[in-house]
Every structure is written in C-alpha cells, then in structure tokens.
Protein backbone atom coordinates (compact mmCIF):
# COMPACT_ATOMS: atom_id res chain seq x y z
CA MET A 1 -59.94 -46.74 -42.18
CA ASN A 2 -60.67 -45.84 -45.71
CA ALA A 3 -58.29 -46.49 -48.60
CA GLN A 4 -56.97 -42.91 -48.75
CA HIS A 5 -56.05 -42.91 -45.07
CA LYS A 6 -54.21 -46.25 -45.41
CA GLN A 7 -52.33 -44.91 -48.40
CA PHE A 8 -51.43 -41.74 -46.49
CA SER A 9 -50.24 -43.73 -43.44
CA ALA A 10 -48.09 -45.95 -45.65
CA ARG A 11 -46.51 -42.88 -47.25
CA ILE A 12 -45.79 -41.32 -43.83
CA ASN A 13 -44.17 -44.59 -42.64
CA ARG A 14 -42.03 -44.74 -45.79
CA ILE A 15 -40.88 -41.12 -45.30
CA GLU A 16 -40.05 -41.71 -41.63
CA ARG A 17 -38.02 -44.85 -42.46
CA LYS A 18 -36.07 -42.93 -45.11
CA ALA A 19 -35.45 -40.01 -42.72
CA LYS A 20 -34.17 -42.37 -40.04
CA ALA A 21 -31.87 -44.09 -42.55
CA MET A 22 -30.55 -40.70 -43.65
CA GLU A 23 -29.46 -39.82 -40.11
CA HIS A 24 -26.19 -41.58 -40.94
CA GLY A 25 -25.65 -39.50 -44.07
CA SER A 26 -27.08 -39.26 -47.54
CA GLU A 27 -26.00 -39.34 -51.16
CA ALA A 28 -27.41 -37.03 -53.82
CA LYS A 29 -28.15 -38.56 -57.21
CA LEU A 30 -29.25 -36.72 -60.33
CA ARG A 31 -32.07 -38.51 -62.14
CA LYS A 32 -32.52 -38.46 -65.92
CA ASP A 33 -35.33 -35.94 -65.65
CA GLY A 34 -33.08 -33.47 -63.77
CA LEU A 35 -34.48 -34.05 -60.28
CA ILE A 36 -31.94 -34.42 -57.50
CA GLU A 37 -32.86 -37.35 -55.29
CA LEU A 38 -31.38 -37.94 -51.84
CA ARG A 39 -30.81 -41.53 -50.84
CA PRO A 40 -29.51 -42.91 -47.55
CA ALA A 41 -25.74 -43.46 -47.60
CA ARG A 42 -24.63 -47.05 -47.52
CA ARG A 43 -23.23 -48.22 -44.24
CA PRO A 44 -19.83 -49.89 -44.35
CA LEU A 45 -19.88 -53.65 -43.97
CA ARG A 46 -19.23 -54.89 -40.49
CA ARG A 47 -16.92 -57.73 -39.68
CA PHE A 48 -18.59 -61.06 -39.16
CA VAL A 49 -16.69 -61.71 -35.91
CA PRO A 50 -15.69 -58.78 -33.71
CA VAL A 51 -11.93 -58.55 -33.19
CA ARG A 52 -12.33 -57.69 -29.51
CA LEU A 53 -14.31 -60.87 -28.93
CA VAL A 54 -11.63 -63.02 -30.55
CA LEU A 55 -8.88 -61.33 -28.52
CA ALA A 56 -10.89 -61.74 -25.32
CA LEU A 57 -11.38 -65.47 -26.00
CA ILE A 58 -7.67 -65.95 -26.68
CA ALA A 59 -6.78 -64.08 -23.48
CA ALA A 60 -9.27 -66.16 -21.50
CA GLY A 61 -7.83 -69.38 -22.94
CA ILE A 62 -4.27 -68.39 -22.06
CA GLY A 63 -5.41 -67.32 -18.59
CA TYR A 64 -7.09 -70.69 -18.08
CA LYS A 65 -3.93 -72.51 -19.14
CA VAL A 66 -1.83 -70.41 -16.75
CA PHE A 67 -4.27 -71.11 -13.90
CA LEU A 68 -4.18 -74.87 -14.56
CA LEU A 69 -0.41 -74.95 -14.89
CA ILE A 70 0.10 -73.05 -11.62
CA SER A 71 -2.48 -75.06 -9.67
CA MET A 72 -1.53 -78.52 -10.98
CA GLY A 73 2.19 -78.14 -11.41
CA GLU A 74 4.11 -78.84 -14.59
CA PRO A 75 4.55 -82.64 -14.21
CA ALA A 76 0.84 -83.26 -13.54
CA TYR A 77 -0.14 -80.89 -16.35
CA ALA A 78 2.17 -82.72 -18.78
CA ALA A 79 0.70 -86.08 -17.68
CA ARG A 80 -2.83 -84.77 -18.37
CA LEU A 81 -1.78 -83.60 -21.82
CA ALA A 82 -0.31 -87.03 -22.53
CA GLU A 83 -3.63 -88.65 -21.59
CA LEU A 84 -5.53 -86.24 -23.81
CA SER A 85 -3.25 -86.83 -26.78
CA ASP A 86 -4.03 -90.58 -26.65
CA GLY A 87 -7.81 -89.98 -26.80
CA THR A 88 -10.25 -89.20 -29.57
CA THR A 89 -9.75 -86.59 -32.26
CA VAL A 90 -11.44 -83.93 -30.14
CA ASN A 91 -9.17 -84.80 -27.20
CA GLN A 92 -6.12 -84.58 -29.45
CA ILE A 93 -7.19 -81.13 -30.64
CA GLY A 94 -7.67 -80.09 -27.01
CA ALA A 95 -4.21 -81.42 -26.12
CA THR A 96 -2.69 -79.43 -28.98
CA LEU A 97 -4.42 -76.25 -27.88
CA MET A 98 -3.50 -76.76 -24.23
CA GLN A 99 0.22 -77.32 -24.81
CA ILE A 100 2.54 -75.05 -22.91
CA ASP A 101 3.44 -72.22 -25.25
CA PRO A 102 6.00 -69.44 -24.62
CA VAL A 103 3.35 -66.92 -23.51
CA THR A 104 1.86 -69.39 -21.03
CA ARG A 105 5.30 -70.27 -19.67
CA MET A 106 6.25 -66.60 -19.28
CA LEU A 107 3.00 -65.74 -17.47
CA THR A 108 3.30 -68.81 -15.26
CA ASP A 109 6.86 -67.89 -14.27
CA LEU A 110 5.72 -64.32 -13.62
CA LEU A 111 2.63 -65.18 -11.55
CA ALA A 112 3.64 -68.39 -9.74
CA PRO A 113 5.55 -66.67 -6.89
CA TYR A 114 2.51 -64.50 -6.10
CA VAL A 115 -0.17 -67.19 -6.35
CA GLY A 116 1.26 -69.97 -4.39
C-alpha cells in the first residue's frame, strides 16, 4: 500500500467509528469559525455493580438460609451458628450473616409444611 491509500483507509475508519458512535445520538457544536460540528452524544455513566445482581445474590443467600434452616431444624442450626461464632474472624462474619432474621423466619414458617 502506498502512503495515500493508508491515509485514506485511516480516514474511512475514523469516519465509520464516529458514525457508529453517533447511532446513540449526537450533539451539535458551533465552532469559532462558524462551522457546525456534530459530535457523538455522551453516554450516561453506568453503575459499577448492577442492582439486579445484588438483589439476586441477596435472594439466593436468604434462600440458602431458609433451605438450611428447614433441612437441619432450628436447634441444630443454632448450634452450628454458635460453633461459627467461636471461630476465626471470617467464621464470625459468616455467623453474623447466617443468623435467623425476620425474613428467613417468615419464609421458613411459610415453606416448612410443604417441604417436609
């Protein structure tokens, strides 16, 4: 390829990238020399962590707690939590997270007659 062809190909690539970016909208800006220049519109910032993912993880955690509580029974579950709370810092955090909360108790009372 000669230099002119490379330069032309680079210009075509630049134009195609700009056209693709402008599919989501564009903003017109008046330059000092009076030329109106179209630029791709800025996309809004996305959240770092998707809300649906966080809600799904919380629901999965509560579901796991309900499953354990129904399958083990409340006395055995409480004994396990007591063992965890005497362990390392990570175990203590796990014991705090796995405590029986009102939502877990309500779901356990609701589902226990159907499960077993």
